[in-house]
Each structure stands twice: as C-alpha cells, then as structure tokens.
PDB file of N, CA and C in Angstrom:
ATOM      1  N   MET A   1     -13.718 -16.034  -1.325  1.00  0.00           N
ATOM      2  CA  MET A   1     -12.424 -15.411  -2.809  1.00  0.00           C
ATOM      3  C   MET A   1     -11.988 -14.135  -2.085  1.00  0.00           C
ATOM      4  N   SER A   2     -10.834 -13.152  -2.033  1.00  0.00           N
ATOM      5  CA  SER A   2     -11.025 -12.178  -1.248  1.00  0.00           C
ATOM      6  C   SER A   2     -10.443 -11.266  -3.177  1.00  0.00           C
ATOM      7  N   GLU A   3     -10.530  -9.940  -2.944  1.00  0.00           N
ATOM      8  CA  GLU A   3      -9.621  -9.151  -3.769  1.00  0.00           C
ATOM      9  C   GLU A   3      -9.200  -9.002  -3.705  1.00  0.00           C
ATOM     10  N   ARG A   4      -8.294  -8.327  -4.807  1.00  0.00           N
ATOM     11  CA  ARG A   4      -7.262  -8.013  -5.101  1.00  0.00           C
ATOM     12  C   ARG A   4      -6.743  -6.844  -4.510  1.00  0.00           C
ATOM     13  N   THR A   5      -5.497  -6.758  -4.098  1.00  0.00           N
ATOM     14  CA  THR A   5      -5.008  -5.599  -2.902  1.00  0.00           C
ATOM     15  C   THR A   5      -4.980  -4.067  -4.031  1.00  0.00           C
ATOM     16  N   PRO A   6      -5.519  -3.234  -4.125  1.00  0.00           N
ATOM     17  CA  PRO A   6      -5.440  -1.762  -5.172  1.00  0.00           C
ATOM     18  C   PRO A   6      -3.675  -1.790  -4.796  1.00  0.00           C
ATOM     19  N   GLU A   7      -3.228  -1.154  -6.081  1.00  0.00           N
ATOM     20  CA  GLU A   7      -1.730  -0.959  -6.053  1.00  0.00           C
ATOM     21  C   GLU A   7      -1.521   0.423  -6.686  1.00  0.00           C
ATOM     22  N   ILE A   8      -0.572   1.557  -5.999  1.00  0.00           N
ATOM     23  CA  ILE A   8      -0.327   2.675  -7.089  1.00  0.00           C
ATOM     24  C   ILE A   8       0.776   2.683  -6.794  1.00  0.00           C
ATOM     25  N   GLY A   9       1.230   2.992  -8.537  1.00  0.00           N
ATOM     26  CA  GLY A   9       3.272   3.687  -8.726  1.00  0.00           C
ATOM     27  C   GLY A   9       3.663   4.427  -7.809  1.00  0.00           C
ATOM     28  N   VAL A  10       4.863   4.595  -8.029  1.00  0.00           N
ATOM     29  CA  VAL A  10       6.007   5.534  -7.256  1.00  0.00           C
ATOM     30  C   VAL A  10       5.567   6.955  -7.536  1.00  0.00           C
ATOM     31  N   ASP A  11       5.811   6.790  -8.956  1.00  0.00           N
ATOM     32  CA  ASP A  11       5.148   8.381  -9.256  1.00  0.00           C
ATOM     33  C   ASP A  11       3.799   8.785  -9.162  1.00  0.00           C
ATOM     34  N   GLU A  12       2.879   7.933  -9.154  1.00  0.00           N
ATOM     35  CA  GLU A  12       1.552   8.428  -8.896  1.00  0.00           C
ATOM     36  C   GLU A  12       1.611   8.633  -7.127  1.00  0.00           C
ATOM     37  N   PHE A  13       2.130   7.893  -6.345  1.00  0.00           N
ATOM     38  CA  PHE A  13       2.046   7.855  -5.085  1.00  0.00           C
ATOM     39  C   PHE A  13       2.944   9.220  -4.478  1.00  0.00           C
ATOM     40  N   ALA A  14       3.893   9.651  -5.407  1.00  0.00           N
ATOM     41  CA  ALA A  14       4.984  10.611  -4.920  1.00  0.00           C
ATOM     42  C   ALA A  14       4.038  12.307  -5.434  1.00  0.00           C
ATOM     43  N   ALA A  15       3.441  12.123  -6.430  1.00  0.00           N
ATOM     44  CA  ALA A  15       2.439  12.959  -6.865  1.00  0.00           C
ATOM     45  C   ALA A  15       1.529  13.429  -5.932  1.00  0.00           C
ATOM     46  N   ALA A  16       0.390  12.338  -5.972  1.00  0.00           N
ATOM     47  CA  ALA A  16      -0.337  12.611  -4.631  1.00  0.00           C
ATOM     48  C   ALA A  16      -0.206  12.596  -3.660  1.00  0.00           C
ATOM     49  N   ARG A  17       1.160  12.005  -2.881  1.00  0.00           N
ATOM     50  CA  ARG A  17       1.184  11.781  -1.369  1.00  0.00           C
ATOM     51  C   ARG A  17       0.247  12.421  -0.422  1.00  0.00           C
ATOM     52  N   PRO A  18      -0.520  11.026  -0.678  1.00  0.00           N
ATOM     53  CA  PRO A  18      -2.350  10.683  -0.201  1.00  0.00           C
ATOM     54  C   PRO A  18      -1.815  11.094   1.613  1.00  0.00           C
ATOM     55  N   ASP A  19      -2.663  11.826   2.060  1.00  0.00           N
ATOM     56  CA  ASP A  19      -3.167  11.553   3.077  1.00  0.00           C
ATOM     57  C   ASP A  19      -2.919  10.689   4.153  1.00  0.00           C
ATOM     58  N   THR A  20      -2.241   9.598   3.714  1.00  0.00           N
ATOM     59  CA  THR A  20      -2.812   8.475   4.750  1.00  0.00           C
ATOM     60  C   THR A  20      -1.132   8.389   5.303  1.00  0.00           C
ATOM     61  N   ARG A  21      -1.351   7.120   6.598  1.00  0.00           N
ATOM     62  CA  ARG A  21      -0.022   6.480   6.669  1.00  0.00           C
ATOM     63  C   ARG A  21       0.888   5.746   6.244  1.00  0.00           C
ATOM     64  N   LEU A  22       2.012   5.701   6.073  1.00  0.00           N
ATOM     65  CA  LEU A  22       2.675   5.072   5.129  1.00  0.00           C
ATOM     66  C   LEU A  22       3.428   4.033   5.815  1.00  0.00           C
ATOM     67  N   ILE A  23       3.505   2.917   5.348  1.00  0.00           N
ATOM     68  CA  ILE A  23       4.109   1.343   6.222  1.00  0.00           C
ATOM     69  C   ILE A  23       5.355   0.581   5.451  1.00  0.00           C
ATOM     70  N   ASP A  24       6.008   0.711   5.936  1.00  0.00           N
ATOM     71  CA  ASP A  24       7.470   0.040   5.521  1.00  0.00           C
ATOM     72  C   ASP A  24       7.670  -1.240   6.044  1.00  0.00           C
ATOM     73  N   VAL A  25       7.387  -2.458   4.552  1.00  0.00           N
ATOM     74  CA  VAL A  25       7.279  -3.290   5.888  1.00  0.00           C
ATOM     75  C   VAL A  25       8.808  -4.190   6.321  1.00  0.00           C
ATOM     76  N   ARG A  26       9.896  -3.472   5.678  1.00  0.00           N
ATOM     77  CA  ARG A  26      11.082  -4.065   4.891  1.00  0.00           C
ATOM     78  C   ARG A  26      12.054  -4.352   6.498  1.00  0.00           C
ATOM     79  N   SER A  27      12.905  -4.755   6.950  1.00  0.00           N
ATOM     80  CA  SER A  27      13.537  -5.395   8.259  1.00  0.00           C
ATOM     81  C   SER A  27      14.400  -4.030   8.407  1.00  0.00           C
ATOM     82  N   PRO A  28      14.424  -3.490   9.975  1.00  0.00           N
ATOM     83  CA  PRO A  28      14.881  -2.167  10.558  1.00  0.00           C
ATOM     84  C   PRO A  28      15.928  -1.836   9.644  1.00  0.00           C
ATOM     85  N   ASP A  29      17.381  -2.639   9.321  1.00  0.00           N
ATOM     86  CA  ASP A  29      18.080  -2.358   8.716  1.00  0.00           C
ATOM     87  C   ASP A  29      18.108  -1.748   7.629  1.00  0.00           C
ATOM     88  N   GLU A  30      16.787  -2.594   6.508  1.00  0.00           N
ATOM     89  CA  GLU A  30      17.201  -2.119   5.234  1.00  0.00           C
ATOM     90  C   GLU A  30      16.598  -0.788   5.363  1.00  0.00           C
ATOM     91  N   TYR A  31      15.589  -0.611   6.158  1.00  0.00           N
ATOM     92  CA  TYR A  31      14.723   0.830   7.001  1.00  0.00           C
ATOM     93  C   TYR A  31      15.931   1.833   6.436  1.00  0.00           C
ATOM     94  N   ALA A  32      16.839   1.229   7.683  1.00  0.00           N
ATOM     95  CA  ALA A  32      17.732   2.628   8.206  1.00  0.00           C
ATOM     96  C   ALA A  32      18.833   2.909   6.686  1.00  0.00           C
ATOM     97  N   GLU A  33      18.641   2.062   5.842  1.00  0.00           N
ATOM     98  CA  GLU A  33      20.067   2.377   4.533  1.00  0.00           C
ATOM     99  C   GLU A  33      19.168   2.994   3.821  1.00  0.00           C
ATOM    100  N   GLY A  34      17.872   3.906   3.760  1.00  0.00           N
ATOM    101  CA  GLY A  34      16.894   4.223   2.982  1.00  0.00           C
ATOM    102  C   GLY A  34      15.300   4.380   2.974  1.00  0.00           C
ATOM    103  N   HIS A  35      14.953   5.221   2.607  1.00  0.00           N
ATOM    104  CA  HIS A  35      13.048   4.992   2.959  1.00  0.00           C
ATOM    105  C   HIS A  35      12.701   6.420   2.519  1.00  0.00           C
ATOM    106  N   VAL A  36      10.909   6.361   1.988  1.00  0.00           N
ATOM    107  CA  VAL A  36      10.479   7.431   2.048  1.00  0.00           C
ATOM    108  C   VAL A  36       9.951   8.410   2.947  1.00  0.00           C
ATOM    109  N   PRO A  37      10.186   9.778   2.670  1.00  0.00           N
ATOM    110  CA  PRO A  37      10.296  10.453   4.051  1.00  0.00           C
ATOM    111  C   PRO A  37       8.903  10.142   4.780  1.00  0.00           C
ATOM    112  N   GLY A  38       8.385  10.243   5.903  1.00  0.00           N
ATOM    113  CA  GLY A  38       7.570  10.258   6.503  1.00  0.00           C
ATOM    114  C   GLY A  38       6.862   8.737   6.726  1.00  0.00           C
ATOM    115  N   SER A  39       7.383   7.663   6.473  1.00  0.00           N
ATOM    116  CA  SER A  39       7.195   6.183   6.704  1.00  0.00           C
ATOM    117  C   SER A  39       7.629   5.996   7.917  1.00  0.00           C
ATOM    118  N   VAL A  40       6.294   4.853   8.160  1.00  0.00           N
ATOM    119  CA  VAL A  40       6.713   4.265   9.350  1.00  0.00           C
ATOM    120  C   VAL A  40       7.356   2.655   9.343  1.00  0.00           C
ATOM    121  N   ASN A  41       8.185   2.428  10.210  1.00  0.00           N
ATOM    122  CA  ASN A  41       8.998   0.997   9.917  1.00  0.00           C
ATOM    123  C   ASN A  41       7.824  -0.344  10.735  1.00  0.00           C
ATOM    124  N   VAL A  42       7.285  -1.077  10.123  1.00  0.00           N
ATOM    125  CA  VAL A  42       6.940  -2.206  10.666  1.00  0.00           C
ATOM    126  C   VAL A  42       6.904  -3.353  10.019  1.00  0.00           C
ATOM    127  N   PRO A  43       7.672  -4.057  10.427  1.00  0.00           N
ATOM    128  CA  PRO A  43       8.647  -5.330   9.617  1.00  0.00           C
ATOM    129  C   PRO A  43       7.645  -6.289   9.122  1.00  0.00           C
ATOM    130  N   LEU A  44       7.488  -6.808   8.001  1.00  0.00           N
ATOM    131  CA  LEU A  44       6.375  -7.831   8.085  1.00  0.00           C
ATOM    132  C   LEU A  44       5.861  -8.593   8.926  1.00  0.00           C
ATOM    133  N   GLU A  45       7.288  -9.070   9.163  1.00  0.00           N
ATOM    134  CA  GLU A  45       6.690 -10.680  10.155  1.00  0.00           C
ATOM    135  C   GLU A  45       5.410  -9.531  11.590  1.00  0.00           C
ATOM    136  N   GLU A  46       6.440  -8.400  12.012  1.00  0.00           N
ATOM    137  CA  GLU A  46       4.768  -7.600  12.893  1.00  0.00           C
ATOM    138  C   GLU A  46       3.732  -7.539  12.170  1.00  0.00           C
ATOM    139  N   VAL A  47       3.657  -7.128  11.211  1.00  0.00           N
ATOM    140  CA  VAL A  47       2.519  -6.869  10.267  1.00  0.00           C
ATOM    141  C   VAL A  47       1.815  -8.534  10.248  1.00  0.00           C
ATOM    142  N   LEU A  48       1.895  -9.119   9.953  1.00  0.00           N
ATOM    143  CA  LEU A  48       1.896 -10.590   9.563  1.00  0.00           C
ATOM    144  C   LEU A  48       0.843 -11.177  11.064  1.00  0.00           C
ATOM    145  N   ALA A  49       1.867 -10.890  12.088  1.00  0.00           N
ATOM    146  CA  ALA A  49       1.413 -11.296  13.760  1.00  0.00           C
ATOM    147  C   ALA A  49       0.498 -11.071  14.000  1.00  0.00           C
ATOM    148  N   ALA A  50       0.056  -9.535  13.797  1.00  0.00           N
ATOM    149  CA  ALA A  50      -1.201  -9.019  14.153  1.00  0.00           C
ATOM    150  C   ALA A  50      -1.549  -7.699  13.222  1.00  0.00           C
ATOM    151  N   PRO A  51      -2.298  -8.103  12.536  1.00  0.00           N
ATOM    152  CA  PRO A  51      -2.614  -7.426  10.929  1.00  0.00           C
ATOM    153  C   PRO A  51      -3.889  -6.959  11.553  1.00  0.00           C
ATOM    154  N   GLN A  52      -4.692  -6.625  12.613  1.00  0.00           N
ATOM    155  CA  GLN A  52      -5.296  -6.262  13.218  1.00  0.00           C
ATOM    156  C   GLN A  52      -5.363  -4.907  13.643  1.00  0.00           C
ATOM    157  N   GLN A  53      -4.117  -4.908  14.009  1.00  0.00           N
ATOM    158  CA  GLN A  53      -3.773  -3.188  14.794  1.00  0.00           C
ATOM    159  C   GLN A  53      -4.029  -2.263  13.674  1.00  0.00           C
ATOM    160  N   PHE A  54      -4.177  -2.537  12.495  1.00  0.00           N
ATOM    161  CA  PHE A  54      -4.433  -1.621  11.615  1.00  0.00           C
ATOM    162  C   PHE A  54      -5.975  -1.446  11.224  1.00  0.00           C
ATOM    163  N   ALA A  55      -6.678  -2.466  11.726  1.00  0.00           N
ATOM    164  CA  ALA A  55      -8.044  -2.377  11.152  1.00  0.00           C
ATOM    165  C   ALA A  55      -8.633  -0.730  11.517  1.00  0.00           C
ATOM    166  N   ASP A  56      -9.657  -0.783  10.006  1.00  0.00           N
ATOM    167  CA  ASP A  56     -10.555   0.902  10.269  1.00  0.00           C
ATOM    168  C   ASP A  56      -9.577   2.038   9.801  1.00  0.00           C
ATOM    169  N   GLN A  57      -8.096   1.128   9.420  1.00  0.00           N
ATOM    170  CA  GLN A  57      -7.123   2.661   8.959  1.00  0.00           C
ATOM    171  C   GLN A  57      -7.428   2.717   7.250  1.00  0.00           C
ATOM    172  N   ASP A  58      -6.975   4.085   7.369  1.00  0.00           N
ATOM    173  CA  ASP A  58      -6.444   3.894   5.519  1.00  0.00           C
ATOM    174  C   ASP A  58      -4.608   3.896   5.397  1.00  0.00           C
ATOM    175  N   LEU A  59      -4.031   3.297   4.934  1.00  0.00           N
ATOM    176  CA  LEU A  59      -2.419   3.518   4.686  1.00  0.00           C
ATOM    177  C   LEU A  59      -2.096   2.967   3.127  1.00  0.00           C
ATOM    178  N   HIS A  60      -1.057   3.249   3.050  1.00  0.00           N
ATOM    179  CA  HIS A  60      -0.583   2.828   2.101  1.00  0.00           C
ATOM    180  C   HIS A  60       0.877   2.036   2.337  1.00  0.00           C
ATOM    181  N   VAL A  61       1.290   0.684   1.899  1.00  0.00           N
ATOM    182  CA  VAL A  61       2.491   0.071   2.402  1.00  0.00           C
ATOM    183  C   VAL A  61       3.275   0.043   1.390  1.00  0.00           C
ATOM    184  N   ILE A  62       4.876  -0.024   2.121  1.00  0.00           N
ATOM    185  CA  ILE A  62       5.954  -0.455   1.243  1.00  0.00           C
ATOM    186  C   ILE A  62       7.031  -0.959   1.320  1.00  0.00           C
ATOM    187  N   CYS A  63       7.782  -1.633   0.640  1.00  0.00           N
ATOM    188  CA  CYS A  63       8.488  -2.591   0.857  1.00  0.00           C
ATOM    189  C   CYS A  63       9.772  -2.390  -0.340  1.00  0.00           C
ATOM    190  N   ARG A  64      10.520  -2.898  -0.356  1.00  0.00           N
ATOM    191  CA  ARG A  64      11.761  -2.653  -1.337  1.00  0.00           C
ATOM    192  C   ARG A  64      10.917  -2.754  -2.927  1.00  0.00           C
ATOM    193  N   SER A  65      10.197  -3.576  -3.188  1.00  0.00           N
ATOM    194  CA  SER A  65       9.861  -3.581  -4.745  1.00  0.00           C
ATOM    195  C   SER A  65       8.708  -4.223  -4.779  1.00  0.00           C
ATOM    196  N   GLY A  66       7.882  -3.856  -3.922  1.00  0.00           N
ATOM    197  CA  GLY A  66       6.575  -4.127  -4.075  1.00  0.00           C
ATOM    198  C   GLY A  66       5.979  -5.746  -3.333  1.00  0.00           C
ATOM    199  N   GLY A  67       6.809  -6.711  -2.794  1.00  0.00           N
ATOM    200  CA  GLY A  67       6.237  -8.565  -3.125  1.00  0.00           C
ATOM    201  C   GLY A  67       5.535  -8.532  -1.322  1.00  0.00           C
ATOM    202  N   ARG A  68       6.544  -7.906  -0.745  1.00  0.00           N
ATOM    203  CA  ARG A  68       5.739  -7.641   0.748  1.00  0.00           C
ATOM    204  C   ARG A  68       5.091  -6.722   0.882  1.00  0.00           C
ATOM    205  N   SER A  69       4.765  -5.689   0.283  1.00  0.00           N
ATOM    206  CA  SER A  69       4.017  -4.815   0.461  1.00  0.00           C
ATOM    207  C   SER A  69       2.489  -5.240  -0.044  1.00  0.00           C
ATOM    208  N   ALA A  70       2.639  -6.005  -1.033  1.00  0.00           N
ATOM    209  CA  ALA A  70       1.357  -6.668  -1.693  1.00  0.00           C
ATOM    210  C   ALA A  70       0.818  -7.531  -0.447  1.00  0.00           C
ATOM    211  N   THR A  71       1.739  -8.356   0.118  1.00  0.00           N
ATOM    212  CA  THR A  71       1.640  -9.164   0.960  1.00  0.00           C
ATOM    213  C   THR A  71       0.951  -9.167   2.716  1.00  0.00           C
ATOM    214  N   ALA A  72       1.499  -7.348   3.059  1.00  0.00           N
ATOM    215  CA  ALA A  72       0.709  -6.958   4.501  1.00  0.00           C
ATOM    216  C   ALA A  72      -0.159  -6.515   4.089  1.00  0.00           C
ATOM    217  N   ALA A  73      -0.209  -5.271   2.557  1.00  0.00           N
ATOM    218  CA  ALA A  73      -1.504  -4.902   2.249  1.00  0.00           C
ATOM    219  C   ALA A  73      -2.969  -5.898   2.347  1.00  0.00           C
ATOM    220  N   ASP A  74      -2.358  -7.443   2.045  1.00  0.00           N
ATOM    221  CA  ASP A  74      -3.524  -8.244   1.858  1.00  0.00           C
ATOM    222  C   ASP A  74      -4.032  -8.807   3.131  1.00  0.00           C
ATOM    223  N   ALA A  75      -2.861  -8.663   3.985  1.00  0.00           N
ATOM    224  CA  ALA A  75      -2.992  -9.750   5.004  1.00  0.00           C
ATOM    225  C   ALA A  75      -4.263  -8.224   6.502  1.00  0.00           C
ATOM    226  N   VAL A  76      -3.767  -7.040   6.400  1.00  0.00           N
ATOM    227  CA  VAL A  76      -4.422  -5.859   6.370  1.00  0.00           C
ATOM    228  C   VAL A  76      -5.522  -5.841   6.313  1.00  0.00           C
ATOM    229  N   ASN A  77      -6.417  -5.660   4.824  1.00  0.00           N
ATOM    230  CA  ASN A  77      -7.213  -5.526   3.956  1.00  0.00           C
ATOM    231  C   ASN A  77      -7.967  -6.804   4.816  1.00  0.00           C
ATOM    232  N   ALA A  78      -8.082  -8.013   4.848  1.00  0.00           N
ATOM    233  CA  ALA A  78      -8.436  -8.731   5.067  1.00  0.00           C
ATOM    234  C   ALA A  78      -9.039  -8.286   6.775  1.00  0.00           C
ATOM    235  N   ALA A  79      -7.933  -7.898   7.842  1.00  0.00           N
ATOM    236  CA  ALA A  79      -8.468  -7.563   9.120  1.00  0.00           C
ATOM    237  C   ALA A  79      -9.135  -6.240   9.187  1.00  0.00           C
ATOM    238  N   GLY A  80      -9.525  -5.609   7.984  1.00  0.00           N
ATOM    239  CA  GLY A  80     -10.497  -4.900   8.120  1.00  0.00           C
ATOM    240  C   GLY A  80     -10.096  -3.084   7.824  1.00  0.00           C
ATOM    241  N   ALA A  81      -8.921  -3.380   7.266  1.00  0.00           N
ATOM    242  CA  ALA A  81      -7.993  -2.007   7.204  1.00  0.00           C
ATOM    243  C   ALA A  81      -8.382  -1.594   5.973  1.00  0.00           C
ATOM    244  N   ARG A  82      -7.500  -0.276   5.003  1.00  0.00           N
ATOM    245  CA  ARG A  82      -8.087  -0.225   3.765  1.00  0.00           C
ATOM    246  C   ARG A  82      -6.703   0.538   3.367  1.00  0.00           C
ATOM    247  N   ALA A  83      -5.944  -0.847   2.704  1.00  0.00           N
ATOM    248  CA  ALA A  83      -4.452  -0.896   2.158  1.00  0.00           C
ATOM    249  C   ALA A  83      -4.153  -0.511   0.697  1.00  0.00           C
ATOM    250  N   VAL A  84      -3.521   0.321   0.570  1.00  0.00           N
ATOM    251  CA  VAL A  84      -2.534   0.318  -1.246  1.00  0.00           C
ATOM    252  C   VAL A  84      -1.605  -0.229  -1.066  1.00  0.00           C
ATOM    253  N   SER A  85      -1.149  -1.051  -1.616  1.00  0.00           N
ATOM    254  CA  SER A  85       0.287  -1.155  -1.833  1.00  0.00           C
ATOM    255  C   SER A  85       0.795  -0.341  -2.606  1.00  0.00           C
ATOM    256  N   VAL A  86       2.381   0.193  -2.655  1.00  0.00           N
ATOM    257  CA  VAL A  86       3.062   0.748  -3.943  1.00  0.00           C
ATOM    258  C   VAL A  86       3.981   0.006  -4.250  1.00  0.00           C
ATOM    259  N   ALA A  87       3.783  -0.368  -5.435  1.00  0.00           N
ATOM    260  CA  ALA A  87       4.372  -0.980  -6.663  1.00  0.00           C
ATOM    261  C   ALA A  87       5.381  -0.332  -6.979  1.00  0.00           C
ATOM    262  N   GLY A  88       6.601  -1.114  -6.965  1.00  0.00           N
ATOM    263  CA  GLY A  88       8.108  -0.360  -7.028  1.00  0.00           C
ATOM    264  C   GLY A  88       8.964  -0.410  -6.035  1.00  0.00           C
ATOM    265  N   GLY A  89       7.969  -0.050  -5.017  1.00  0.00           N
ATOM    266  CA  GLY A  89       8.581  -0.002  -3.747  1.00  0.00           C
ATOM    267  C   GLY A  89       9.626   0.593  -3.433  1.00  0.00           C
ATOM    268  N   THR A  90      10.239   0.492  -2.858  1.00  0.00           N
ATOM    269  CA  THR A  90      11.286   1.751  -2.049  1.00  0.00           C
ATOM    270  C   THR A  90      12.607   1.981  -3.614  1.00  0.00           C
ATOM    271  N   ALA A  91      12.764   0.413  -4.207  1.00  0.00           N
ATOM    272  CA  ALA A  91      13.948   0.223  -5.315  1.00  0.00           C
ATOM    273  C   ALA A  91      13.615   1.575  -6.553  1.00  0.00           C
ATOM    274  N   GLY A  92      12.107   1.278  -6.425  1.00  0.00           N
ATOM    275  CA  GLY A  92      11.525   2.292  -7.606  1.00  0.00           C
ATOM    276  C   GLY A  92      11.389   4.004  -6.960  1.00  0.00           C
ATOM    277  N   TRP A  93      11.660   3.966  -5.999  1.00  0.00           N
ATOM    278  CA  TRP A  93      11.063   5.665  -5.703  1.00  0.00           C
ATOM    279  C   TRP A  93      12.552   5.916  -5.622  1.00  0.00           C
ATOM    280  N   ILE A  94      13.408   5.298  -5.102  1.00  0.00           N
ATOM    281  CA  ILE A  94      14.868   5.799  -4.800  1.00  0.00           C
ATOM    282  C   ILE A  94      15.452   6.064  -6.695  1.00  0.00           C
ATOM    283  N   ASP A  95      15.190   5.255  -7.595  1.00  0.00           N
ATOM    284  CA  ASP A  95      15.283   5.297  -9.024  1.00  0.00           C
ATOM    285  C   ASP A  95      14.156   5.877  -9.749  1.00  0.00           C
ATOM    286  N   ALA A  96      13.172   6.731  -9.292  1.00  0.00           N
ATOM    287  CA  ALA A  96      12.763   7.774  -9.780  1.00  0.00           C
ATOM    288  C   ALA A  96      13.386   9.326  -9.301  1.00  0.00           C
ATOM    289  N   GLY A  97      13.911   9.251  -8.760  1.00  0.00           N
ATOM    290  CA  GLY A  97      14.903  10.001  -8.089  1.00  0.00           C
ATOM    291  C   GLY A  97      14.443  11.016  -7.014  1.00  0.00           C
ATOM    292  N   HIS A  98      12.825  10.302  -6.557  1.00  0.00           N
ATOM    293  CA  HIS A  98      12.352  10.858  -4.972  1.00  0.00           C
ATOM    294  C   HIS A  98      13.806  10.740  -3.651  1.00  0.00           C
ATOM    295  N   GLU A  99      12.716  12.148  -2.995  1.00  0.00           N
ATOM    296  CA  GLU A  99      13.830  12.049  -1.810  1.00  0.00           C
ATOM    297  C   GLU A  99      13.777  11.040  -1.139  1.00  0.00           C
ATOM    298  N   VAL A 100      15.070  10.643  -0.358  1.00  0.00           N
ATOM    299  CA  VAL A 100      15.110   9.211   0.563  1.00  0.00           C
ATOM    300  C   VAL A 100      15.789  10.058   1.866  1.00  0.00           C
ATOM    301  N   GLU A 101      15.160   9.410   2.968  1.00  0.00           N
ATOM    302  CA  GLU A 101      15.433   9.611   4.505  1.00  0.00           C
ATOM    303  C   GLU A 101      16.696   8.477   4.945  1.00  0.00           C
ATOM    304  N   ARG A 102      17.544   8.576   5.484  1.00  0.00           N
ATOM    305  CA  ARG A 102      17.982   7.708   6.039  1.00  0.00           C
ATOM    306  C   ARG A 102      18.183   7.545   7.438  1.00  0.00           C
ATOM    307  N   GLY A 103      18.700   6.371   8.454  1.00  0.00           N
ATOM    308  CA  GLY A 103      18.466   6.472   9.637  1.00  0.00           C
ATOM    309  C   GLY A 103      17.339   5.498  10.048  1.00  0.00           C
ATOM    310  N   SER A 104      17.224   5.155  11.444  1.00  0.00           N
ATOM    311  CA  SER A 104      16.290   4.543  11.836  1.00  0.00           C
ATOM    312  C   SER A 104      15.414   5.695  12.742  1.00  0.00           C
ATOM    313  N   GLN A 105      14.140   4.967  12.556  1.00  0.00           N
ATOM    314  CA  GLN A 105      13.305   5.948  13.304  1.00  0.00           C
ATOM    315  C   GLN A 105      13.063   6.464  14.802  1.00  0.00           C
TER     316      GLN A 105
END
C-alpha cells in the first residue's frame, strides 16, 4: 500500500516558492501557452517512462489542473523522490493572478 502523494495549493505554493525544482508535466504545446516561471517541462509520458531520473530529489510537480501532476508525483515518489503535487495546477495559478511565462524552454 502506497502513501498518498502530498499536495500544495497554488496560493500556498506561490507564497512559499519552495527552493525545489518545479516540473511541469504538460505537453510542450501546453507549456508554451503559459507556465509558472522557473518551471521545467518534462511531459508526463517521459516522467512515467523513467521516474528513477528524479530519485533522491525534492521537487514540485504541476500540470493543468492537478490530475497529471498527482500521477507523476506518485510515480517519482515510488522511485525514491520527495515530490509534492501542486493542486489546481497552472489553470489555478493563472486564475489566481500569478505571473506566467510564455514560450518554450
């Protein structure tokens, strides 16, 4: 039985801006349309294909609304990472009026 991956809301994440890597698991096209500044785009398929690449890392994971990020965080945590999913995702981030970057990495 696995433990539930921890979640943090977008406003709490924005206020804390933890000093951890932020992985955006949306498609490159979705990412280019608007993303949290400082995030790195690693599509969900790539995360699920090799979750061990994140072993022993502290990170936050974000997607559009929170579903894909929870799936990705579960996978990397099972591989030895310490990941937190950002509930509400980029849509919640934008709706809350936080800064957004556009374009690819």
